[in-house]
Amino acid sequence: MGKKQYKNAWKREINDIVRGICGGFLFGIPLIYTMEVWWIGSLAKPRLIAIAIALMFVVVFLLNYTEGFRKRRNTWRLDEAAIDTVEAMAIGFVCAAFMLWLLQEITPATSLKESLGKVVYEGLPFTLGVALANQFLQEGNQNNSTSATHKNNLHATLADLGATVIGATVIAFNIAPTDEVPMLAAAISPPWLWVLMAASLVISYAIVFQAGFSDQKKRRQQKGIFQRPLSETTISYLVSLLASGAMLFFFQKLTLSDTWMMWLEHTLVLGLPATIGGAAGRLAI
């Protein structure tokens, strides 16, 4: 029995961390495409970085004291809230560092001071997302009847595709007009685009099917066309890429005279946040 409880405790811990990571991506991804934050972080002095960390700790501590990113918090203890705050900040910083590395804004050639400043300033929304994940994105009620859950295949598929288009377009619409997309696309080598694609698919899959958000068990039981976890994630990614390309064309960041490689690079760069937006859209239905 003790071994089983130990195993369950580790499983809950991993689930909490995965949920926190996914919440961080949902909240933090729009700001990661803002060059002004990169510049502020790279130029920030150590004292400002320390102040930013202290203020972040206070805000996240208050959030963790009232709710927290863990499920089934039974007590409002200050020591538990402090531990959760440190963990949430660590997760947020790791997520921000991963995204900055993925977008090649942090490389082995980047100085430690510049890297730290970027991670701290970009880590704020990620950390808030971690702290708010359980409060706003917790798993829904599972008591719905089977007949209400399983609609006809075509309707369920169209509902998911529509939600993906809406979520992806909302995010892409805010990022596509900016200069960040062509700047990032120019800095990323063609082989690195495969890494970008893989990260987009993994993050999308984790948000919808692994983090425990929004009736995850019910989503796994859907019978619509392409509505198995892997196939749904792939189709939704392709839909998000189409939405990204459409937004880039709409804002004249891409034209019909541009090469297919330029279309591919820009679309894949914008496709990362658009895919996360599409995943959020599917969670909403």
C-alpha atoms as a PDB file:
ATOM      1  CA  MET A   1       0.000   0.000   0.000  1.00  0.00           C
ATOM      2  CA  GLY A   2       2.832   2.382   0.866  1.00  0.00           C
ATOM      3  CA  LYS A   3       4.497   1.773  -2.486  1.00  0.00           C
ATOM      4  CA  LYS A   4       1.215   2.455  -4.304  1.00  0.00           C
ATOM      5  CA  GLN A   5       0.666   5.696  -2.381  1.00  0.00           C
ATOM      6  CA  TYR A   6       4.249   6.744  -3.177  1.00  0.00           C
ATOM      7  CA  LYS A   7       3.643   6.043  -6.864  1.00  0.00           C
ATOM      8  CA  ASN A   8       0.363   7.982  -6.825  1.00  0.00           C
ATOM      9  CA  ALA A   9       2.059  10.922  -5.110  1.00  0.00           C
ATOM     10  CA  TRP A  10       4.680  11.069  -7.856  1.00  0.00           C
ATOM     11  CA  LYS A  11       1.962  10.798 -10.500  1.00  0.00           C
ATOM     12  CA  ARG A  12       0.058  13.727  -8.965  1.00  0.00           C
ATOM     13  CA  GLU A  13       3.272  15.736  -8.778  1.00  0.00           C
ATOM     14  CA  ILE A  14       4.050  15.116 -12.451  1.00  0.00           C
ATOM     15  CA  ASN A  15       0.470  15.967 -13.434  1.00  0.00           C
ATOM     16  CA  ASP A  16       0.654  19.215 -11.460  1.00  0.00           C
ATOM     17  CA  ILE A  17       3.922  20.157 -13.150  1.00  0.00           C
ATOM     18  CA  VAL A  18       2.586  19.324 -16.628  1.00  0.00           C
ATOM     19  CA  ARG A  19      -0.549  21.373 -15.936  1.00  0.00           C
ATOM     20  CA  GLY A  20       1.580  24.266 -14.724  1.00  0.00           C
ATOM     21  CA  ILE A  21       3.826  24.113 -17.806  1.00  0.00           C
ATOM     22  CA  CYS A  22       0.834  24.105 -20.143  1.00  0.00           C
ATOM     23  CA  GLY A  23      -0.765  26.997 -18.274  1.00  0.00           C
ATOM     24  CA  GLY A  24       2.498  28.884 -18.602  1.00  0.00           C
ATOM     25  CA  PHE A  25       2.543  28.379 -22.371  1.00  0.00           C
ATOM     26  CA  LEU A  26      -1.093  29.461 -22.725  1.00  0.00           C
ATOM     27  CA  PHE A  27      -0.507  32.697 -20.834  1.00  0.00           C
ATOM     28  CA  GLY A  28       3.087  33.458 -21.813  1.00  0.00           C
ATOM     29  CA  ILE A  29       3.272  32.755 -25.533  1.00  0.00           C
ATOM     30  CA  PRO A  30       2.003  36.153 -26.825  1.00  0.00           C
ATOM     31  CA  LEU A  31       4.643  38.159 -24.932  1.00  0.00           C
ATOM     32  CA  ILE A  32       7.478  35.897 -26.097  1.00  0.00           C
ATOM     33  CA  TYR A  33       7.045  37.387 -29.586  1.00  0.00           C
ATOM     34  CA  THR A  34       7.638  40.961 -28.369  1.00  0.00           C
ATOM     35  CA  MET A  35      11.090  42.285 -29.219  1.00  0.00           C
ATOM     36  CA  GLU A  36      10.749  45.212 -26.818  1.00  0.00           C
ATOM     37  CA  VAL A  37      10.734  42.747 -23.922  1.00  0.00           C
ATOM     38  CA  TRP A  38      13.850  41.056 -25.331  1.00  0.00           C
ATOM     39  CA  TRP A  39      15.616  44.410 -25.437  1.00  0.00           C
ATOM     40  CA  ILE A  40      14.471  45.488 -21.970  1.00  0.00           C
ATOM     41  CA  GLY A  41      15.599  42.169 -20.539  1.00  0.00           C
ATOM     42  CA  SER A  42      18.967  42.236 -22.296  1.00  0.00           C
ATOM     43  CA  LEU A  43      19.689  45.777 -21.058  1.00  0.00           C
ATOM     44  CA  ALA A  44      18.288  45.415 -17.531  1.00  0.00           C
ATOM     45  CA  LYS A  45      20.708  45.988 -14.673  1.00  0.00           C
ATOM     46  CA  PRO A  46      21.105  43.332 -11.949  1.00  0.00           C
ATOM     47  CA  ARG A  47      19.246  45.518  -9.425  1.00  0.00           C
ATOM     48  CA  LEU A  48      16.207  45.798 -11.712  1.00  0.00           C
ATOM     49  CA  ILE A  49      16.286  42.063 -12.342  1.00  0.00           C
ATOM     50  CA  ALA A  50      16.311  41.428  -8.582  1.00  0.00           C
ATOM     51  CA  ILE A  51      13.367  43.834  -8.091  1.00  0.00           C
ATOM     52  CA  ALA A  52      11.434  42.107 -10.887  1.00  0.00           C
ATOM     53  CA  ILE A  53      11.999  38.702  -9.250  1.00  0.00           C
ATOM     54  CA  ALA A  54      10.915  40.034  -5.838  1.00  0.00           C
ATOM     55  CA  LEU A  55       7.717  41.610  -7.213  1.00  0.00           C
ATOM     56  CA  MET A  56       6.978  38.429  -9.147  1.00  0.00           C
ATOM     57  CA  PHE A  57       7.374  36.383  -5.985  1.00  0.00           C
ATOM     58  CA  VAL A  58       4.875  38.541  -4.097  1.00  0.00           C
ATOM     59  CA  VAL A  59       2.233  38.349  -6.844  1.00  0.00           C
ATOM     60  CA  VAL A  60       2.609  34.604  -7.409  1.00  0.00           C
ATOM     61  CA  PHE A  61       2.673  33.969  -3.652  1.00  0.00           C
ATOM     62  CA  LEU A  62      -0.714  35.663  -3.268  1.00  0.00           C
ATOM     63  CA  LEU A  63      -2.111  33.589  -6.126  1.00  0.00           C
ATOM     64  CA  ASN A  64      -0.750  30.359  -4.660  1.00  0.00           C
ATOM     65  CA  TYR A  65      -2.000  31.219  -1.181  1.00  0.00           C
ATOM     66  CA  THR A  66      -5.585  31.597  -2.392  1.00  0.00           C
ATOM     67  CA  GLU A  67      -5.638  28.789  -4.987  1.00  0.00           C
ATOM     68  CA  GLY A  68      -2.333  27.502  -6.332  1.00  0.00           C
ATOM     69  CA  PHE A  69      -1.505  25.468  -9.422  1.00  0.00           C
ATOM     70  CA  ARG A  70      -1.852  22.162  -7.575  1.00  0.00           C
ATOM     71  CA  LYS A  71      -5.131  20.273  -7.316  1.00  0.00           C
ATOM     72  CA  ARG A  72      -6.784  19.436  -3.986  1.00  0.00           C
ATOM     73  CA  ARG A  73      -5.037  21.969  -1.796  1.00  0.00           C
ATOM     74  CA  ASN A  74      -6.612  21.354   1.609  1.00  0.00           C
ATOM     75  CA  THR A  75      -5.010  24.079   3.686  1.00  0.00           C
ATOM     76  CA  TRP A  76      -3.892  27.671   3.266  1.00  0.00           C
ATOM     77  CA  ARG A  77      -0.470  27.327   4.833  1.00  0.00           C
ATOM     78  CA  LEU A  78       2.141  29.996   4.282  1.00  0.00           C
ATOM     79  CA  ASP A  79       4.975  27.491   3.943  1.00  0.00           C
ATOM     80  CA  GLU A  80       3.098  25.495   1.267  1.00  0.00           C
ATOM     81  CA  ALA A  81       2.282  28.688  -0.626  1.00  0.00           C
ATOM     82  CA  ALA A  82       5.950  29.746  -0.478  1.00  0.00           C
ATOM     83  CA  ILE A  83       7.158  26.366  -1.758  1.00  0.00           C
ATOM     84  CA  ASP A  84       4.570  26.397  -4.561  1.00  0.00           C
ATOM     85  CA  THR A  85       5.622  29.940  -5.456  1.00  0.00           C
ATOM     86  CA  VAL A  86       9.276  28.970  -5.824  1.00  0.00           C
ATOM     87  CA  GLU A  87       8.261  25.960  -7.908  1.00  0.00           C
ATOM     88  CA  ALA A  88       5.904  28.028 -10.086  1.00  0.00           C
ATOM     89  CA  MET A  89       8.614  30.619 -10.717  1.00  0.00           C
ATOM     90  CA  ALA A  90      11.119  27.900 -11.569  1.00  0.00           C
ATOM     91  CA  ILE A  91       8.669  26.336 -14.047  1.00  0.00           C
ATOM     92  CA  GLY A  92       7.923  29.744 -15.549  1.00  0.00           C
ATOM     93  CA  PHE A  93      11.602  30.582 -15.986  1.00  0.00           C
ATOM     94  CA  VAL A  94      12.333  27.191 -17.548  1.00  0.00           C
ATOM     95  CA  CYS A  95       9.418  27.626 -19.986  1.00  0.00           C
ATOM     96  CA  ALA A  96      10.572  31.124 -20.923  1.00  0.00           C
ATOM     97  CA  ALA A  97      14.170  29.962 -21.370  1.00  0.00           C
ATOM     98  CA  PHE A  98      13.014  27.062 -23.544  1.00  0.00           C
ATOM     99  CA  MET A  99      10.964  29.363 -25.787  1.00  0.00           C
ATOM    100  CA  LEU A 100      13.768  31.900 -26.085  1.00  0.00           C
ATOM    101  CA  TRP A 101      16.152  29.085 -27.006  1.00  0.00           C
ATOM    102  CA  LEU A 102      13.617  27.650 -29.468  1.00  0.00           C
ATOM    103  CA  LEU A 103      13.320  31.055 -31.159  1.00  0.00           C
ATOM    104  CA  GLN A 104      17.110  31.481 -31.048  1.00  0.00           C
ATOM    105  CA  GLU A 105      16.915  34.588 -28.879  1.00  0.00           C
ATOM    106  CA  ILE A 106      19.188  32.778 -26.444  1.00  0.00           C
ATOM    107  CA  THR A 107      22.155  30.875 -27.854  1.00  0.00           C
ATOM    108  CA  PRO A 108      25.499  29.665 -26.437  1.00  0.00           C
ATOM    109  CA  ALA A 109      26.936  32.977 -27.641  1.00  0.00           C
ATOM    110  CA  THR A 110      24.508  35.042 -25.522  1.00  0.00           C
ATOM    111  CA  SER A 111      26.056  36.470 -22.365  1.00  0.00           C
ATOM    112  CA  LEU A 112      24.826  35.231 -18.987  1.00  0.00           C
ATOM    113  CA  LYS A 113      23.585  38.690 -17.955  1.00  0.00           C
ATOM    114  CA  GLU A 114      21.592  39.138 -21.166  1.00  0.00           C
ATOM    115  CA  SER A 115      20.165  35.632 -20.955  1.00  0.00           C
ATOM    116  CA  LEU A 116      19.133  36.094 -17.325  1.00  0.00           C
ATOM    117  CA  GLY A 117      17.454  39.424 -18.050  1.00  0.00           C
ATOM    118  CA  LYS A 118      15.488  38.010 -20.977  1.00  0.00           C
ATOM    119  CA  VAL A 119      14.407  34.939 -19.025  1.00  0.00           C
ATOM    120  CA  VAL A 120      13.243  36.966 -16.015  1.00  0.00           C
ATOM    121  CA  TYR A 121      11.263  39.538 -17.998  1.00  0.00           C
ATOM    122  CA  GLU A 122       9.773  36.986 -20.377  1.00  0.00           C
ATOM    123  CA  GLY A 123       9.189  34.594 -17.473  1.00  0.00           C
ATOM    124  CA  LEU A 124       6.617  36.842 -15.769  1.00  0.00           C
ATOM    125  CA  PRO A 125       3.577  35.853 -17.902  1.00  0.00           C
ATOM    126  CA  PHE A 126       4.716  32.225 -17.949  1.00  0.00           C
ATOM    127  CA  THR A 127       4.901  32.202 -14.149  1.00  0.00           C
ATOM    128  CA  LEU A 128       1.472  33.811 -13.848  1.00  0.00           C
ATOM    129  CA  GLY A 129       0.145  31.158 -16.217  1.00  0.00           C
ATOM    130  CA  VAL A 130       1.593  28.428 -14.016  1.00  0.00           C
ATOM    131  CA  ALA A 131      -0.017  29.918 -10.899  1.00  0.00           C
ATOM    132  CA  LEU A 132      -3.395  30.427 -12.595  1.00  0.00           C
ATOM    133  CA  ALA A 133      -3.499  27.102 -14.450  1.00  0.00           C
ATOM    134  CA  ASN A 134      -5.521  25.169 -11.905  1.00  0.00           C
ATOM    135  CA  GLN A 135      -7.808  28.086 -11.045  1.00  0.00           C
ATOM    136  CA  PHE A 136      -8.981  28.909 -14.563  1.00  0.00           C
ATOM    137  CA  LEU A 137      -8.230  25.759 -16.537  1.00  0.00           C
ATOM    138  CA  GLN A 138      -9.093  22.987 -14.114  1.00  0.00           C
ATOM    139  CA  GLU A 139     -10.735  19.844 -15.318  1.00  0.00           C
ATOM    140  CA  GLY A 140     -14.458  20.192 -15.724  1.00  0.00           C
ATOM    141  CA  ASN A 141     -17.349  18.172 -14.420  1.00  0.00           C
ATOM    142  CA  GLN A 142     -17.322  14.578 -15.641  1.00  0.00           C
ATOM    143  CA  ASN A 143     -20.946  13.774 -14.779  1.00  0.00           C
ATOM    144  CA  ASN A 144     -22.379  14.601 -18.179  1.00  0.00           C
ATOM    145  CA  SER A 145     -24.322  11.798 -19.785  1.00  0.00           C
ATOM    146  CA  THR A 146     -22.791   9.752 -22.581  1.00  0.00           C
ATOM    147  CA  SER A 147     -25.493  10.773 -25.002  1.00  0.00           C
ATOM    148  CA  ALA A 148     -24.767  14.441 -24.366  1.00  0.00           C
ATOM    149  CA  THR A 149     -21.038  13.892 -24.710  1.00  0.00           C
ATOM    150  CA  HIS A 150     -20.982  11.968 -27.965  1.00  0.00           C
ATOM    151  CA  LYS A 151     -22.518  13.994 -30.743  1.00  0.00           C
ATOM    152  CA  ASN A 152     -22.426  12.903 -34.346  1.00  0.00           C
ATOM    153  CA  ASN A 153     -18.987  12.535 -35.850  1.00  0.00           C
ATOM    154  CA  LEU A 154     -19.214  15.374 -38.355  1.00  0.00           C
ATOM    155  CA  HIS A 155     -20.586  17.863 -35.842  1.00  0.00           C
ATOM    156  CA  ALA A 156     -17.863  17.080 -33.291  1.00  0.00           C
ATOM    157  CA  THR A 157     -15.132  17.368 -35.902  1.00  0.00           C
ATOM    158  CA  LEU A 158     -16.433  20.672 -37.275  1.00  0.00           C
ATOM    159  CA  ALA A 159     -16.768  22.061 -33.755  1.00  0.00           C
ATOM    160  CA  ASP A 160     -13.138  21.257 -32.983  1.00  0.00           C
ATOM    161  CA  LEU A 161     -11.882  22.629 -36.300  1.00  0.00           C
ATOM    162  CA  GLY A 162     -13.894  25.810 -35.846  1.00  0.00           C
ATOM    163  CA  ALA A 163     -12.571  26.300 -32.325  1.00  0.00           C
ATOM    164  CA  THR A 164      -9.026  25.712 -33.590  1.00  0.00           C
ATOM    165  CA  VAL A 165      -9.441  28.303 -36.351  1.00  0.00           C
ATOM    166  CA  ILE A 166     -10.841  30.875 -33.925  1.00  0.00           C
ATOM    167  CA  GLY A 167      -8.154  30.336 -31.280  1.00  0.00           C
ATOM    168  CA  ALA A 168      -5.316  30.287 -33.812  1.00  0.00           C
ATOM    169  CA  THR A 169      -6.604  33.373 -35.623  1.00  0.00           C
ATOM    170  CA  VAL A 170      -6.981  35.396 -32.412  1.00  0.00           C
ATOM    171  CA  ILE A 171      -3.349  34.764 -31.489  1.00  0.00           C
ATOM    172  CA  ALA A 172      -1.979  35.064 -35.039  1.00  0.00           C
ATOM    173  CA  PHE A 173      -3.938  38.281 -35.626  1.00  0.00           C
ATOM    174  CA  ASN A 174      -2.057  39.980 -32.777  1.00  0.00           C
ATOM    175  CA  ILE A 175       1.409  38.770 -33.810  1.00  0.00           C
ATOM    176  CA  ALA A 176       1.270  38.649 -37.633  1.00  0.00           C
ATOM    177  CA  PRO A 177       1.423  42.464 -38.214  1.00  0.00           C
ATOM    178  CA  THR A 178       4.574  42.847 -36.129  1.00  0.00           C
ATOM    179  CA  ASP A 179       8.194  42.667 -37.271  1.00  0.00           C
ATOM    180  CA  GLU A 180       9.033  39.838 -34.889  1.00  0.00           C
ATOM    181  CA  VAL A 181       7.961  37.068 -37.267  1.00  0.00           C
ATOM    182  CA  PRO A 182      10.262  38.024 -40.196  1.00  0.00           C
ATOM    183  CA  MET A 183      13.052  38.819 -37.730  1.00  0.00           C
ATOM    184  CA  LEU A 184      12.814  35.394 -36.106  1.00  0.00           C
ATOM    185  CA  ALA A 185      12.353  33.616 -39.449  1.00  0.00           C
ATOM    186  CA  ALA A 186      15.527  35.223 -40.769  1.00  0.00           C
ATOM    187  CA  ALA A 187      17.523  34.051 -37.753  1.00  0.00           C
ATOM    188  CA  ILE A 188      16.314  30.435 -37.795  1.00  0.00           C
ATOM    189  CA  SER A 189      18.089  27.916 -40.020  1.00  0.00           C
ATOM    190  CA  PRO A 190      15.992  25.510 -42.156  1.00  0.00           C
ATOM    191  CA  PRO A 191      16.906  22.411 -40.070  1.00  0.00           C
ATOM    192  CA  TRP A 192      15.758  24.247 -36.931  1.00  0.00           C
ATOM    193  CA  LEU A 193      12.261  24.484 -38.421  1.00  0.00           C
ATOM    194  CA  TRP A 194      11.858  20.762 -37.688  1.00  0.00           C
ATOM    195  CA  VAL A 195      12.491  21.497 -34.007  1.00  0.00           C
ATOM    196  CA  LEU A 196       9.901  24.273 -34.153  1.00  0.00           C
ATOM    197  CA  MET A 197       7.347  21.914 -35.694  1.00  0.00           C
ATOM    198  CA  ALA A 198       8.017  19.202 -33.122  1.00  0.00           C
ATOM    199  CA  ALA A 199       7.697  21.651 -30.228  1.00  0.00           C
ATOM    200  CA  SER A 200       4.399  22.982 -31.614  1.00  0.00           C
ATOM    201  CA  LEU A 201       2.918  19.485 -31.837  1.00  0.00           C
ATOM    202  CA  VAL A 202       4.147  18.366 -28.408  1.00  0.00           C
ATOM    203  CA  ILE A 203       2.920  21.500 -26.620  1.00  0.00           C
ATOM    204  CA  SER A 204      -0.467  21.344 -28.349  1.00  0.00           C
ATOM    205  CA  TYR A 205      -0.871  17.663 -27.475  1.00  0.00           C
ATOM    206  CA  ALA A 206       0.102  18.254 -23.844  1.00  0.00           C
ATOM    207  CA  ILE A 207      -2.306  21.173 -23.392  1.00  0.00           C
ATOM    208  CA  VAL A 208      -5.350  19.321 -24.736  1.00  0.00           C
ATOM    209  CA  PHE A 209      -4.695  15.704 -23.757  1.00  0.00           C
ATOM    210  CA  GLN A 210      -2.165  15.577 -20.903  1.00  0.00           C
ATOM    211  CA  ALA A 211      -2.593  18.605 -18.633  1.00  0.00           C
ATOM    212  CA  GLY A 212      -6.013  17.661 -17.239  1.00  0.00           C
ATOM    213  CA  PHE A 213      -7.797  20.762 -18.502  1.00  0.00           C
ATOM    214  CA  SER A 214     -11.417  21.017 -19.596  1.00  0.00           C
ATOM    215  CA  ASP A 215     -12.887  17.511 -19.476  1.00  0.00           C
ATOM    216  CA  GLN A 216      -9.790  15.764 -20.780  1.00  0.00           C
ATOM    217  CA  LYS A 217     -11.288  12.281 -20.306  1.00  0.00           C
ATOM    218  CA  LYS A 218     -14.335  13.277 -22.317  1.00  0.00           C
ATOM    219  CA  ARG A 219     -12.166  14.581 -25.137  1.00  0.00           C
ATOM    220  CA  ARG A 220     -10.313  11.272 -25.352  1.00  0.00           C
ATOM    221  CA  GLN A 221     -13.655   9.475 -25.799  1.00  0.00           C
ATOM    222  CA  GLN A 222     -14.867  11.590 -28.715  1.00  0.00           C
ATOM    223  CA  LYS A 223     -15.627   9.680 -31.902  1.00  0.00           C
ATOM    224  CA  GLY A 224     -15.482  12.424 -34.512  1.00  0.00           C
ATOM    225  CA  ILE A 225     -13.452  12.218 -37.694  1.00  0.00           C
ATOM    226  CA  PHE A 226      -9.717  12.551 -36.875  1.00  0.00           C
ATOM    227  CA  GLN A 227     -10.611  12.795 -33.180  1.00  0.00           C
ATOM    228  CA  ARG A 228      -7.955  10.551 -31.767  1.00  0.00           C
ATOM    229  CA  PRO A 229      -5.307  12.432 -29.763  1.00  0.00           C
ATOM    230  CA  LEU A 230      -2.507  12.122 -32.335  1.00  0.00           C
ATOM    231  CA  SER A 231      -4.644  12.665 -35.430  1.00  0.00           C
ATOM    232  CA  GLU A 232      -6.540  15.550 -33.844  1.00  0.00           C
ATOM    233  CA  THR A 233      -3.273  17.212 -32.799  1.00  0.00           C
ATOM    234  CA  THR A 234      -1.844  16.862 -36.327  1.00  0.00           C
ATOM    235  CA  ILE A 235      -4.959  18.135 -38.124  1.00  0.00           C
ATOM    236  CA  SER A 236      -5.298  21.036 -35.687  1.00  0.00           C
ATOM    237  CA  TYR A 237      -1.655  21.947 -36.289  1.00  0.00           C
ATOM    238  CA  LEU A 238      -2.219  22.041 -40.049  1.00  0.00           C
ATOM    239  CA  VAL A 239      -5.329  24.192 -39.551  1.00  0.00           C
ATOM    240  CA  SER A 240      -3.333  26.549 -37.321  1.00  0.00           C
ATOM    241  CA  LEU A 241      -0.652  26.830 -40.007  1.00  0.00           C
ATOM    242  CA  LEU A 242      -3.297  27.737 -42.581  1.00  0.00           C
ATOM    243  CA  ALA A 243      -4.647  30.412 -40.245  1.00  0.00           C
ATOM    244  CA  SER A 244      -1.093  31.722 -39.726  1.00  0.00           C
ATOM    245  CA  GLY A 245      -0.421  31.913 -43.458  1.00  0.00           C
ATOM    246  CA  ALA A 246      -3.741  33.676 -44.013  1.00  0.00           C
ATOM    247  CA  MET A 247      -2.955  36.279 -41.347  1.00  0.00           C
ATOM    248  CA  LEU A 248       0.516  36.917 -42.772  1.00  0.00           C
ATOM    249  CA  PHE A 249      -0.992  37.366 -46.238  1.00  0.00           C
ATOM    250  CA  PHE A 250      -3.785  39.564 -44.842  1.00  0.00           C
ATOM    251  CA  PHE A 251      -1.271  41.935 -43.234  1.00  0.00           C
ATOM    252  CA  GLN A 252       0.944  41.818 -46.362  1.00  0.00           C
ATOM    253  CA  LYS A 253       3.864  40.245 -44.549  1.00  0.00           C
ATOM    254  CA  LEU A 254       3.801  37.633 -47.306  1.00  0.00           C
ATOM    255  CA  THR A 255       2.804  38.080 -50.933  1.00  0.00           C
ATOM    256  CA  LEU A 256       2.204  35.732 -53.842  1.00  0.00           C
ATOM    257  CA  SER A 257       5.550  36.770 -55.309  1.00  0.00           C
ATOM    258  CA  ASP A 258       7.495  35.510 -52.278  1.00  0.00           C
ATOM    259  CA  THR A 259       9.251  32.160 -52.493  1.00  0.00           C
ATOM    260  CA  TRP A 260       7.687  29.016 -51.021  1.00  0.00           C
ATOM    261  CA  MET A 261      10.574  28.775 -48.555  1.00  0.00           C
ATOM    262  CA  MET A 262       9.829  32.237 -47.237  1.00  0.00           C
ATOM    263  CA  TRP A 263       6.173  31.260 -46.859  1.00  0.00           C
ATOM    264  CA  LEU A 264       7.187  28.108 -45.024  1.00  0.00           C
ATOM    265  CA  GLU A 265       9.615  29.807 -42.633  1.00  0.00           C
ATOM    266  CA  HIS A 266       7.263  32.654 -41.689  1.00  0.00           C
ATOM    267  CA  THR A 267       4.255  30.355 -41.339  1.00  0.00           C
ATOM    268  CA  LEU A 268       6.067  27.869 -39.111  1.00  0.00           C
ATOM    269  CA  VAL A 269       7.379  30.659 -36.868  1.00  0.00           C
ATOM    270  CA  LEU A 270       3.899  32.137 -36.443  1.00  0.00           C
ATOM    271  CA  GLY A 271       2.441  28.632 -36.322  1.00  0.00           C
ATOM    272  CA  LEU A 272       3.894  27.964 -32.859  1.00  0.00           C
ATOM    273  CA  PRO A 273       1.793  30.557 -30.981  1.00  0.00           C
ATOM    274  CA  ALA A 274      -1.140  29.982 -33.355  1.00  0.00           C
ATOM    275  CA  THR A 275      -1.118  26.266 -32.505  1.00  0.00           C
ATOM    276  CA  ILE A 276      -1.207  27.057 -28.796  1.00  0.00           C
ATOM    277  CA  GLY A 277      -4.096  29.442 -29.479  1.00  0.00           C
ATOM    278  CA  GLY A 278      -5.854  26.672 -31.383  1.00  0.00           C
ATOM    279  CA  ALA A 279      -5.389  24.322 -28.446  1.00  0.00           C
ATOM    280  CA  ALA A 280      -6.894  26.940 -26.132  1.00  0.00           C
ATOM    281  CA  GLY A 281      -9.821  27.254 -28.518  1.00  0.00           C
ATOM    282  CA  ARG A 282     -10.478  23.525 -28.342  1.00  0.00           C
ATOM    283  CA  LEU A 283     -10.400  23.671 -24.560  1.00  0.00           C
ATOM    284  CA  ALA A 284     -13.133  26.286 -24.631  1.00  0.00           C
ATOM    285  CA  ILE A 285     -15.742  24.098 -26.332  1.00  0.00           C
END
